[in-house]
Amino acid sequence: MLRWTVTFIILAIIAAVFGFGGIAEGAADIAKILFYIFLVLLVVSLITGRRKL
């Protein structure tokens, strides 16, 4: 999921350089959403930890 976030951030930067405002905003919004989902999953995995069976 982190890979998707980086992909959308790069897409947003490229679109912003070429002046495509709507595409850049959309890609940046998707990247933000994926980043926050990644952070929540990271915190949950750190709290639960790995358990040996």
Protein backbone atom coordinates (compact mmCIF):
# COMPACT_ATOMS: atom_id res chain seq x y z
CA MET A 1 0.00 0.00 0.00
CA LEU A 2 2.94 2.31 0.62
CA ARG A 3 3.99 1.71 -2.98
CA TRP A 4 0.59 2.99 -4.18
CA THR A 5 0.97 6.10 -2.03
CA VAL A 6 4.36 6.88 -3.53
CA THR A 7 2.99 6.23 -7.04
CA PHE A 8 0.13 8.70 -6.57
CA ILE A 9 2.45 11.31 -5.02
CA ILE A 10 4.76 11.08 -8.04
CA LEU A 11 1.76 11.24 -10.39
CA ALA A 12 0.50 14.34 -8.56
CA ILE A 13 3.90 16.05 -8.83
CA ILE A 14 4.19 15.28 -12.55
CA ALA A 15 0.63 16.48 -13.20
CA ALA A 16 1.28 19.66 -11.22
CA VAL A 17 4.42 20.40 -13.25
CA PHE A 18 2.45 20.12 -16.49
CA GLY A 19 -0.41 22.22 -15.10
CA PHE A 20 -3.18 19.65 -14.87
CA GLY A 21 -4.78 20.96 -11.68
CA GLY A 22 -7.68 18.51 -11.45
CA ILE A 23 -5.54 15.44 -12.04
CA ALA A 24 -2.90 16.63 -9.57
CA GLU A 25 -5.49 17.28 -6.88
CA GLY A 26 -7.13 13.91 -7.43
CA ALA A 27 -3.85 12.01 -7.26
CA ALA A 28 -2.78 13.95 -4.17
CA ASP A 29 -6.08 13.18 -2.45
CA ILE A 30 -5.75 9.48 -3.21
CA ALA A 31 -2.15 9.51 -1.96
CA LYS A 32 -3.25 11.16 1.31
CA ILE A 33 -6.02 8.64 1.88
CA LEU A 34 -3.70 5.69 1.23
CA PHE A 35 -1.04 7.21 3.48
CA TYR A 36 -3.48 7.54 6.39
CA ILE A 37 -4.73 3.99 5.88
CA PHE A 38 -1.11 2.82 5.92
CA LEU A 39 -0.46 4.69 9.17
CA VAL A 40 -3.53 3.19 10.85
CA LEU A 41 -2.49 -0.31 9.80
CA LEU A 42 1.04 0.33 11.06
CA VAL A 43 -0.19 1.47 14.47
CA VAL A 44 -2.55 -1.50 14.75
CA SER A 45 0.23 -3.93 13.86
CA LEU A 46 2.58 -2.29 16.39
CA ILE A 47 -0.04 -2.49 19.13
CA THR A 48 -0.98 -6.11 18.50
CA GLY A 49 2.59 -7.24 17.85
CA ARG A 50 3.68 -10.61 16.58
CA ARG A 51 2.54 -13.57 18.58
CA LYS A 52 4.25 -16.93 18.38
CA LEU A 53 1.87 -19.82 17.98
